[in-house]
C-alpha atoms as a PDB file:
ATOM      1  CA  MET A   1     -18.934  16.272 -33.203  1.00  0.00           C
ATOM      2  CA  THR A   2     -17.986  19.023 -35.652  1.00  0.00           C
ATOM      3  CA  ILE A   3     -15.976  22.239 -35.694  1.00  0.00           C
ATOM      4  CA  ASN A   4     -16.379  25.111 -38.142  1.00  0.00           C
ATOM      5  CA  CYS A   5     -13.157  25.759 -40.069  1.00  0.00           C
ATOM      6  CA  ASN A   6     -13.513  28.789 -42.346  1.00  0.00           C
ATOM      7  CA  GLY A   7     -17.124  27.930 -43.062  1.00  0.00           C
ATOM      8  CA  LYS A   8     -16.466  24.221 -43.613  1.00  0.00           C
ATOM      9  CA  LEU A   9     -17.475  21.669 -41.015  1.00  0.00           C
ATOM     10  CA  MET A  10     -14.876  19.160 -39.871  1.00  0.00           C
ATOM     11  CA  ASP A  11     -16.641  16.044 -38.633  1.00  0.00           C
ATOM     12  CA  PHE A  12     -14.942  13.948 -35.927  1.00  0.00           C
ATOM     13  CA  GLU A  13     -17.142  10.880 -36.343  1.00  0.00           C
ATOM     14  CA  VAL A  14     -13.957   9.451 -37.809  1.00  0.00           C
ATOM     15  CA  PRO A  15     -10.953  10.735 -35.803  1.00  0.00           C
ATOM     16  CA  LYS A  16      -8.529  13.066 -37.548  1.00  0.00           C
ATOM     17  CA  VAL A  17      -4.750  13.548 -37.537  1.00  0.00           C
ATOM     18  CA  MET A  18      -2.953  16.853 -36.959  1.00  0.00           C
ATOM     19  CA  GLY A  19       0.568  17.012 -38.375  1.00  0.00           C
ATOM     20  CA  ILE A  20       3.230  18.769 -36.297  1.00  0.00           C
ATOM     21  CA  LEU A  21       5.386  21.394 -38.018  1.00  0.00           C
ATOM     22  CA  ASN A  22       7.872  23.296 -35.850  1.00  0.00           C
ATOM     23  CA  CYS A  23       9.784  26.386 -36.954  1.00  0.00           C
ATOM     24  CA  THR A  24      11.839  26.327 -33.765  1.00  0.00           C
ATOM     25  CA  PRO A  25      15.544  25.563 -33.332  1.00  0.00           C
ATOM     26  CA  ASN A  26      15.027  23.663 -30.069  1.00  0.00           C
ATOM     27  CA  SER A  27      11.916  21.464 -30.187  1.00  0.00           C
ATOM     28  CA  PHE A  28      12.653  18.137 -28.550  1.00  0.00           C
ATOM     29  CA  TYR A  29      12.308  16.005 -31.704  1.00  0.00           C
ATOM     30  CA  ASP A  30      12.410  18.058 -34.914  1.00  0.00           C
ATOM     31  CA  GLY A  31      13.910  21.351 -33.730  1.00  0.00           C
ATOM     32  CA  GLY A  32      15.931  22.962 -36.505  1.00  0.00           C
ATOM     33  CA  LYS A  33      15.131  20.166 -38.976  1.00  0.00           C
ATOM     34  CA  TYR A  34      13.414  22.504 -41.430  1.00  0.00           C
ATOM     35  CA  LYS A  35      15.499  25.554 -42.309  1.00  0.00           C
ATOM     36  CA  THR A  36      14.176  27.012 -45.558  1.00  0.00           C
ATOM     37  CA  GLU A  37      10.762  27.880 -46.950  1.00  0.00           C
ATOM     38  CA  THR A  38      11.123  24.941 -49.335  1.00  0.00           C
ATOM     39  CA  ASP A  39      11.783  22.581 -46.409  1.00  0.00           C
ATOM     40  CA  PHE A  40       8.569  23.664 -44.691  1.00  0.00           C
ATOM     41  CA  LEU A  41       6.516  23.416 -47.875  1.00  0.00           C
ATOM     42  CA  LYS A  42       7.843  19.933 -48.673  1.00  0.00           C
ATOM     43  CA  GLN A  43       7.045  18.685 -45.173  1.00  0.00           C
ATOM     44  CA  THR A  44       3.592  20.264 -45.284  1.00  0.00           C
ATOM     45  CA  GLU A  45       2.913  18.591 -48.643  1.00  0.00           C
ATOM     46  CA  LYS A  46       4.133  15.243 -47.316  1.00  0.00           C
ATOM     47  CA  MET A  47       1.873  15.413 -44.265  1.00  0.00           C
ATOM     48  CA  LEU A  48      -1.139  16.401 -46.357  1.00  0.00           C
ATOM     49  CA  ILE A  49      -0.484  13.535 -48.799  1.00  0.00           C
ATOM     50  CA  ASP A  50      -0.097  11.160 -45.838  1.00  0.00           C
ATOM     51  CA  GLY A  51      -3.558  12.151 -44.614  1.00  0.00           C
ATOM     52  CA  ALA A  52      -3.233  15.058 -42.183  1.00  0.00           C
ATOM     53  CA  SER A  53      -6.484  16.995 -41.816  1.00  0.00           C
ATOM     54  CA  ILE A  54      -4.771  19.835 -39.927  1.00  0.00           C
ATOM     55  CA  ILE A  55      -1.225  21.227 -39.932  1.00  0.00           C
ATOM     56  CA  ASP A  56      -0.129  22.566 -36.530  1.00  0.00           C
ATOM     57  CA  LEU A  57       2.570  25.224 -36.859  1.00  0.00           C
ATOM     58  CA  GLY A  58       4.540  26.365 -33.830  1.00  0.00           C
ATOM     59  CA  ALA A  59       7.425  28.782 -33.264  1.00  0.00           C
ATOM     60  CA  TYR A  60       7.918  28.540 -29.489  1.00  0.00           C
ATOM     61  CA  SER A  61       9.097  25.276 -27.984  1.00  0.00           C
ATOM     62  CA  THR A  62       7.042  24.419 -24.892  1.00  0.00           C
ATOM     63  CA  GLN A  63       9.038  21.415 -23.760  1.00  0.00           C
ATOM     64  CA  PRO A  64      10.016  21.483 -20.049  1.00  0.00           C
ATOM     65  CA  ASN A  65      12.571  24.198 -19.276  1.00  0.00           C
ATOM     66  CA  ALA A  66      12.297  25.591 -22.799  1.00  0.00           C
ATOM     67  CA  ASP A  67      14.065  28.875 -23.489  1.00  0.00           C
ATOM     68  CA  PHE A  68      11.943  32.018 -23.347  1.00  0.00           C
ATOM     69  CA  VAL A  69      11.155  33.479 -26.783  1.00  0.00           C
ATOM     70  CA  THR A  70      10.050  37.082 -27.232  1.00  0.00           C
ATOM     71  CA  GLU A  71       6.791  37.840 -28.979  1.00  0.00           C
ATOM     72  CA  GLU A  72       8.701  39.631 -31.736  1.00  0.00           C
ATOM     73  CA  GLU A  73      10.901  36.585 -32.371  1.00  0.00           C
ATOM     74  CA  GLU A  74       7.906  34.239 -32.367  1.00  0.00           C
ATOM     75  CA  LEU A  75       6.146  36.417 -34.951  1.00  0.00           C
ATOM     76  CA  ASN A  76       9.291  36.687 -37.074  1.00  0.00           C
ATOM     77  CA  ARG A  77       9.550  32.905 -37.129  1.00  0.00           C
ATOM     78  CA  ILE A  78       5.942  31.970 -37.684  1.00  0.00           C
ATOM     79  CA  LEU A  79       4.338  34.575 -39.942  1.00  0.00           C
ATOM     80  CA  PRO A  80       6.459  34.018 -43.079  1.00  0.00           C
ATOM     81  CA  ILE A  81       6.020  30.237 -42.859  1.00  0.00           C
ATOM     82  CA  ALA A  82       2.279  30.469 -42.153  1.00  0.00           C
ATOM     83  CA  SER A  83       1.769  32.849 -45.072  1.00  0.00           C
ATOM     84  CA  SER A  84       3.791  30.651 -47.418  1.00  0.00           C
ATOM     85  CA  ILE A  85       1.883  27.495 -46.453  1.00  0.00           C
ATOM     86  CA  ILE A  86      -1.471  29.186 -46.979  1.00  0.00           C
ATOM     87  CA  LYS A  87      -0.327  30.632 -50.327  1.00  0.00           C
ATOM     88  CA  HIS A  88       0.838  27.273 -51.664  1.00  0.00           C
ATOM     89  CA  PHE A  89      -1.900  25.157 -50.061  1.00  0.00           C
ATOM     90  CA  PRO A  90      -4.972  27.445 -50.004  1.00  0.00           C
ATOM     91  CA  GLU A  91      -7.300  24.673 -48.785  1.00  0.00           C
ATOM     92  CA  VAL A  92      -5.107  23.790 -45.791  1.00  0.00           C
ATOM     93  CA  ILE A  93      -6.521  23.891 -42.273  1.00  0.00           C
ATOM     94  CA  LEU A  94      -3.650  25.613 -40.466  1.00  0.00           C
ATOM     95  CA  SER A  95      -3.494  25.560 -36.673  1.00  0.00           C
ATOM     96  CA  ILE A  96      -1.236  27.984 -34.815  1.00  0.00           C
ATOM     97  CA  ASP A  97       0.443  26.609 -31.706  1.00  0.00           C
ATOM     98  CA  SER A  98       0.815  29.719 -29.526  1.00  0.00           C
ATOM     99  CA  PHE A  99      -0.354  31.060 -26.169  1.00  0.00           C
ATOM    100  CA  ARG A 100       0.017  34.713 -27.267  1.00  0.00           C
ATOM    101  CA  SER A 101      -3.022  36.632 -28.452  1.00  0.00           C
ATOM    102  CA  GLU A 102      -1.063  38.904 -30.808  1.00  0.00           C
ATOM    103  CA  VAL A 103       0.514  35.921 -32.533  1.00  0.00           C
ATOM    104  CA  ALA A 104      -2.927  34.341 -32.815  1.00  0.00           C
ATOM    105  CA  LYS A 105      -4.444  37.555 -34.168  1.00  0.00           C
ATOM    106  CA  GLN A 106      -1.818  38.163 -36.842  1.00  0.00           C
ATOM    107  CA  CYS A 107      -1.804  34.547 -37.973  1.00  0.00           C
ATOM    108  CA  ILE A 108      -5.604  34.431 -38.232  1.00  0.00           C
ATOM    109  CA  GLU A 109      -5.546  37.646 -40.260  1.00  0.00           C
ATOM    110  CA  ASN A 110      -3.072  35.935 -42.589  1.00  0.00           C
ATOM    111  CA  GLY A 111      -5.325  32.899 -43.078  1.00  0.00           C
ATOM    112  CA  ALA A 112      -4.792  30.543 -40.125  1.00  0.00           C
ATOM    113  CA  THR A 113      -7.863  28.603 -39.055  1.00  0.00           C
ATOM    114  CA  ILE A 114      -7.344  27.173 -35.543  1.00  0.00           C
ATOM    115  CA  ILE A 115      -5.566  28.360 -32.386  1.00  0.00           C
ATOM    116  CA  ASN A 116      -3.820  25.739 -30.255  1.00  0.00           C
ATOM    117  CA  ASP A 117      -3.093  27.251 -26.817  1.00  0.00           C
ATOM    118  CA  VAL A 118      -1.100  25.221 -24.288  1.00  0.00           C
ATOM    119  CA  SER A 119      -2.186  27.585 -21.499  1.00  0.00           C
ATOM    120  CA  ALA A 120      -5.960  27.616 -22.142  1.00  0.00           C
ATOM    121  CA  GLY A 121      -5.879  31.416 -21.920  1.00  0.00           C
ATOM    122  CA  PHE A 122      -4.025  31.656 -18.609  1.00  0.00           C
ATOM    123  CA  LEU A 123      -0.788  33.110 -20.055  1.00  0.00           C
ATOM    124  CA  ASP A 124      -2.466  35.878 -22.069  1.00  0.00           C
ATOM    125  CA  GLU A 125      -5.666  37.412 -20.781  1.00  0.00           C
ATOM    126  CA  LYS A 126      -6.558  38.687 -24.269  1.00  0.00           C
ATOM    127  CA  MET A 127      -6.476  35.263 -25.939  1.00  0.00           C
ATOM    128  CA  PHE A 128     -10.165  34.455 -25.390  1.00  0.00           C
ATOM    129  CA  GLU A 129     -11.109  37.911 -26.663  1.00  0.00           C
ATOM    130  CA  VAL A 130      -9.168  37.394 -29.907  1.00  0.00           C
ATOM    131  CA  VAL A 131     -10.430  33.864 -30.531  1.00  0.00           C
ATOM    132  CA  GLY A 132     -14.006  34.913 -29.781  1.00  0.00           C
ATOM    133  CA  LYS A 133     -13.747  37.904 -32.112  1.00  0.00           C
ATOM    134  CA  TYR A 134     -12.485  35.892 -35.075  1.00  0.00           C
ATOM    135  CA  LYS A 135     -14.753  32.874 -34.401  1.00  0.00           C
ATOM    136  CA  VAL A 136     -12.038  30.263 -34.964  1.00  0.00           C
ATOM    137  CA  PRO A 137     -11.832  26.829 -33.308  1.00  0.00           C
ATOM    138  CA  TYR A 138      -9.788  26.789 -30.114  1.00  0.00           C
ATOM    139  CA  ILE A 139      -7.723  23.991 -28.603  1.00  0.00           C
ATOM    140  CA  MET A 140      -7.298  24.425 -24.846  1.00  0.00           C
ATOM    141  CA  MET A 141      -4.743  22.374 -22.956  1.00  0.00           C
ATOM    142  CA  HIS A 142      -4.368  21.445 -19.296  1.00  0.00           C
ATOM    143  CA  MET A 143      -1.209  22.954 -17.849  1.00  0.00           C
ATOM    144  CA  LYS A 144      -0.148  24.737 -14.688  1.00  0.00           C
ATOM    145  CA  GLY A 145       2.542  27.402 -14.599  1.00  0.00           C
ATOM    146  CA  THR A 146       4.603  28.220 -17.692  1.00  0.00           C
ATOM    147  CA  PRO A 147       6.708  26.088 -20.038  1.00  0.00           C
ATOM    148  CA  GLN A 148       9.748  27.189 -18.023  1.00  0.00           C
ATOM    149  CA  ASN A 149       8.437  26.065 -14.606  1.00  0.00           C
ATOM    150  CA  MET A 150       5.466  23.739 -15.261  1.00  0.00           C
ATOM    151  CA  GLN A 151       7.213  20.636 -13.917  1.00  0.00           C
ATOM    152  CA  LYS A 152       7.207  22.220 -10.456  1.00  0.00           C
ATOM    153  CA  PHE A 153       3.399  21.967 -10.452  1.00  0.00           C
ATOM    154  CA  THR A 154       2.778  18.237 -10.338  1.00  0.00           C
ATOM    155  CA  ASP A 155       1.231  17.959  -6.865  1.00  0.00           C
ATOM    156  CA  TYR A 156      -2.356  16.717  -7.269  1.00  0.00           C
ATOM    157  CA  ASP A 157      -4.671  14.911  -4.885  1.00  0.00           C
ATOM    158  CA  ASP A 158      -6.331  13.525  -8.014  1.00  0.00           C
ATOM    159  CA  VAL A 159      -4.947  14.599 -11.389  1.00  0.00           C
ATOM    160  CA  MET A 160      -8.103  13.724 -13.333  1.00  0.00           C
ATOM    161  CA  LYS A 161     -10.392  15.472 -10.876  1.00  0.00           C
ATOM    162  CA  ASP A 162      -8.186  18.569 -11.117  1.00  0.00           C
ATOM    163  CA  MET A 163      -8.360  18.378 -14.909  1.00  0.00           C
ATOM    164  CA  MET A 164     -12.156  18.064 -14.934  1.00  0.00           C
ATOM    165  CA  PHE A 165     -12.532  21.165 -12.741  1.00  0.00           C
ATOM    166  CA  TYR A 166      -9.964  23.011 -14.849  1.00  0.00           C
ATOM    167  CA  PHE A 167     -11.758  22.313 -18.111  1.00  0.00           C
ATOM    168  CA  SER A 168     -15.192  23.067 -16.629  1.00  0.00           C
ATOM    169  CA  GLU A 169     -14.030  26.560 -15.692  1.00  0.00           C
ATOM    170  CA  ARG A 170     -12.059  27.174 -18.894  1.00  0.00           C
ATOM    171  CA  ILE A 171     -14.920  26.035 -21.147  1.00  0.00           C
ATOM    172  CA  ALA A 172     -17.399  28.280 -19.353  1.00  0.00           C
ATOM    173  CA  THR A 173     -15.063  31.266 -19.617  1.00  0.00           C
ATOM    174  CA  ALA A 174     -14.328  30.606 -23.281  1.00  0.00           C
ATOM    175  CA  LYS A 175     -18.028  30.380 -24.089  1.00  0.00           C
ATOM    176  CA  SER A 176     -18.626  33.702 -22.333  1.00  0.00           C
ATOM    177  CA  PHE A 177     -16.331  35.249 -24.975  1.00  0.00           C
ATOM    178  CA  GLY A 178     -18.332  33.671 -27.785  1.00  0.00           C
ATOM    179  CA  ILE A 179     -15.962  30.771 -28.444  1.00  0.00           C
ATOM    180  CA  VAL A 180     -18.095  27.954 -29.827  1.00  0.00           C
ATOM    181  CA  ASP A 181     -15.733  25.349 -31.295  1.00  0.00           C
ATOM    182  CA  ILE A 182     -13.551  23.930 -28.517  1.00  0.00           C
ATOM    183  CA  ILE A 183     -11.160  20.963 -28.471  1.00  0.00           C
ATOM    184  CA  LEU A 184      -9.714  19.612 -25.215  1.00  0.00           C
ATOM    185  CA  ASP A 185      -6.068  18.569 -24.807  1.00  0.00           C
ATOM    186  CA  PRO A 186      -5.162  16.801 -21.524  1.00  0.00           C
ATOM    187  CA  GLY A 187      -1.581  18.028 -21.856  1.00  0.00           C
ATOM    188  CA  PHE A 188       0.555  14.917 -21.747  1.00  0.00           C
ATOM    189  CA  GLY A 189       3.979  15.952 -20.479  1.00  0.00           C
ATOM    190  CA  PHE A 190       2.798  19.289 -19.100  1.00  0.00           C
ATOM    191  CA  SER A 191       2.711  19.751 -15.307  1.00  0.00           C
ATOM    192  CA  LYS A 192       2.608  15.981 -14.873  1.00  0.00           C
ATOM    193  CA  THR A 193       5.004  13.282 -13.740  1.00  0.00           C
ATOM    194  CA  LEU A 194       5.590  10.229 -15.890  1.00  0.00           C
ATOM    195  CA  ASN A 195       3.176   8.172 -13.781  1.00  0.00           C
ATOM    196  CA  GLN A 196       0.544  10.911 -13.862  1.00  0.00           C
ATOM    197  CA  ASN A 197       0.726  10.952 -17.659  1.00  0.00           C
ATOM    198  CA  TYR A 198      -0.124   7.272 -17.768  1.00  0.00           C
ATOM    199  CA  GLU A 199      -2.904   7.738 -15.227  1.00  0.00           C
ATOM    200  CA  VAL A 200      -4.427  10.402 -17.468  1.00  0.00           C
ATOM    201  CA  LEU A 201      -4.185   8.119 -20.502  1.00  0.00           C
ATOM    202  CA  ASN A 202      -5.769   5.288 -18.534  1.00  0.00           C
ATOM    203  CA  LYS A 203      -8.727   7.517 -17.631  1.00  0.00           C
ATOM    204  CA  LEU A 204      -8.877   9.564 -20.830  1.00  0.00           C
ATOM    205  CA  GLU A 205     -12.480   8.559 -21.519  1.00  0.00           C
ATOM    206  CA  LEU A 206     -13.603  10.742 -18.586  1.00  0.00           C
ATOM    207  CA  LEU A 207     -13.037  13.807 -20.772  1.00  0.00           C
ATOM    208  CA  ASN A 208     -15.773  12.576 -23.119  1.00  0.00           C
ATOM    209  CA  GLU A 209     -18.267  13.843 -20.521  1.00  0.00           C
ATOM    210  CA  PHE A 210     -17.762  17.347 -21.940  1.00  0.00           C
ATOM    211  CA  ASN A 211     -19.068  16.181 -25.327  1.00  0.00           C
ATOM    212  CA  LEU A 212     -16.201  17.990 -27.065  1.00  0.00           C
ATOM    213  CA  PRO A 213     -13.456  16.521 -29.265  1.00  0.00           C
ATOM    214  CA  VAL A 214     -10.437  15.349 -27.275  1.00  0.00           C
ATOM    215  CA  LEU A 215      -6.939  15.766 -28.719  1.00  0.00           C
ATOM    216  CA  SER A 216      -4.206  13.294 -27.811  1.00  0.00           C
ATOM    217  CA  ALA A 217      -0.691  14.706 -28.212  1.00  0.00           C
ATOM    218  CA  LEU A 218       1.677  11.889 -27.317  1.00  0.00           C
ATOM    219  CA  SER A 219       3.979  11.794 -30.318  1.00  0.00           C
ATOM    220  CA  ARG A 220       7.527  10.760 -29.332  1.00  0.00           C
ATOM    221  CA  LYS A 221       7.174  12.372 -25.894  1.00  0.00           C
ATOM    222  CA  SER A 222       9.358  11.771 -22.860  1.00  0.00           C
ATOM    223  CA  MET A 223       6.665   9.693 -21.150  1.00  0.00           C
ATOM    224  CA  ILE A 224       7.483   7.109 -23.834  1.00  0.00           C
ATOM    225  CA  TYR A 225      11.211   7.410 -24.404  1.00  0.00           C
ATOM    226  CA  LYS A 226      12.166   7.936 -20.755  1.00  0.00           C
ATOM    227  CA  PHE A 227      10.070   4.962 -19.667  1.00  0.00           C
ATOM    228  CA  LEU A 228      11.643   2.805 -22.396  1.00  0.00           C
ATOM    229  CA  ASN A 229      15.112   4.235 -21.652  1.00  0.00           C
ATOM    230  CA  THR A 230      15.745   5.363 -25.209  1.00  0.00           C
ATOM    231  CA  GLU A 231      15.557   8.513 -27.386  1.00  0.00           C
ATOM    232  CA  PRO A 232      12.741  10.379 -29.199  1.00  0.00           C
ATOM    233  CA  THR A 233      14.024   9.063 -32.531  1.00  0.00           C
ATOM    234  CA  GLU A 234      13.449   5.484 -31.382  1.00  0.00           C
ATOM    235  CA  VAL A 235       9.850   5.581 -30.158  1.00  0.00           C
ATOM    236  CA  LEU A 236       7.623   5.577 -33.220  1.00  0.00           C
ATOM    237  CA  ASN A 237       6.400   2.127 -32.197  1.00  0.00           C
ATOM    238  CA  GLY A 238       5.677   3.300 -28.644  1.00  0.00           C
ATOM    239  CA  THR A 239       3.869   6.344 -30.013  1.00  0.00           C
ATOM    240  CA  THR A 240       1.711   4.112 -32.214  1.00  0.00           C
ATOM    241  CA  VAL A 241       0.764   1.941 -29.238  1.00  0.00           C
ATOM    242  CA  LEU A 242      -0.348   4.938 -27.161  1.00  0.00           C
ATOM    243  CA  HIS A 243      -2.131   6.533 -30.125  1.00  0.00           C
ATOM    244  CA  THR A 244      -4.166   3.360 -30.485  1.00  0.00           C
ATOM    245  CA  ILE A 245      -5.056   3.350 -26.793  1.00  0.00           C
ATOM    246  CA  SER A 246      -6.071   7.030 -27.050  1.00  0.00           C
ATOM    247  CA  LEU A 247      -8.405   6.286 -29.947  1.00  0.00           C
ATOM    248  CA  MET A 248     -10.004   3.373 -28.137  1.00  0.00           C
ATOM    249  CA  LYS A 249     -10.646   5.671 -25.183  1.00  0.00           C
ATOM    250  CA  GLY A 250     -12.411   8.231 -27.351  1.00  0.00           C
ATOM    251  CA  ALA A 251      -9.759  10.641 -28.640  1.00  0.00           C
ATOM    252  CA  LYS A 252     -10.908  12.343 -31.840  1.00  0.00           C
ATOM    253  CA  LEU A 253      -7.675  14.057 -32.886  1.00  0.00           C
ATOM    254  CA  LEU A 254      -4.091  12.762 -32.866  1.00  0.00           C
ATOM    255  CA  ARG A 255      -1.283  15.336 -32.942  1.00  0.00           C
ATOM    256  CA  ALA A 256       1.622  13.547 -34.570  1.00  0.00           C
ATOM    257  CA  HIS A 257       5.054  13.969 -36.120  1.00  0.00           C
ATOM    258  CA  ASP A 258       4.523  10.788 -38.153  1.00  0.00           C
ATOM    259  CA  VAL A 259       1.254  11.368 -39.966  1.00  0.00           C
ATOM    260  CA  LYS A 260       1.151   8.237 -42.116  1.00  0.00           C
ATOM    261  CA  GLU A 261       1.463   5.937 -39.119  1.00  0.00           C
ATOM    262  CA  ALA A 262      -1.111   7.913 -37.110  1.00  0.00           C
ATOM    263  CA  VAL A 263      -3.599   7.735 -39.994  1.00  0.00           C
ATOM    264  CA  GLU A 264      -3.073   3.964 -40.099  1.00  0.00           C
ATOM    265  CA  CYS A 265      -3.902   3.840 -36.365  1.00  0.00           C
ATOM    266  CA  VAL A 266      -7.181   5.600 -37.088  1.00  0.00           C
ATOM    267  CA  LYS A 267      -8.047   3.289 -39.985  1.00  0.00           C
ATOM    268  CA  LEU A 268      -7.296   0.104 -38.076  1.00  0.00           C
ATOM    269  CA  THR A 269      -9.088   1.240 -34.944  1.00  0.00           C
ATOM    270  CA  GLN A 270     -12.157   2.249 -36.965  1.00  0.00           C
ATOM    271  CA  LYS A 271     -12.180  -1.181 -38.612  1.00  0.00           C
ATOM    272  CA  ILE A 272     -12.778  -2.777 -35.225  1.00  0.00           C
ATOM    273  CA  TYR A 273     -15.990  -0.810 -34.736  1.00  0.00           C
ATOM    274  CA  GLU A 274     -17.370  -0.622 -38.280  1.00  0.00           C
ATOM    275  CA  ASN A 275     -19.944  -3.388 -37.797  1.00  0.00           C
ATOM    276  CA  ASN A 276     -21.137  -2.260 -34.371  1.00  0.00           C
END
């Protein structure tokens, strides 16, 4: 499995790690942690040194009941940081975490490489058009509703069957717009109850039927800290456990706050299979 990133192929034979970088004041774990351009550059450098293959930059928190952010505010937050990262790290593979086509467009024109859309095109009808035009890889996630109301949409007869139908339709539509490089994100924590999240993880290998890279975004999420009755700051160990399970079920990309530990998960899991 490969994706084309600015003319360079990224091969997922060995899974990769995507480092999370939020320029939001209210993200559930690191909101407001980085305040200056220097802060963002230092964290980017740290994640790259620790082994991140992709940096995922977001400016709109999509946690449940997140505050609405205008498009203008999202652009004001993300563009200066994206431009600075690309200037200082010209070889970086920068992913933009946004469901807005204009944000995607402007970031791509400033050097971003990948679009990470939590809505799989449902919240902006022009998203597929933009991604298809610029021929960048596209991460599509399973979610129903919006970040503000998604937890009202957790009624499934079979959550995995719903997800398989969802991705079948979204993939076909994306391809009709000329989108070639697609990554699937099952959307842990989005439009799912705690038990449904664990059901999805238990059956994650079903998504391998699409023969596309699967992203696992579990880092410090509520499905871990609420189940363990603790806080996001205390669940690095729980995150590592679920990352390992994801890899053993076929995930090819881990989206993580703690890059070093996620890279170690990949290395150790690969060691198990190296002689097979």
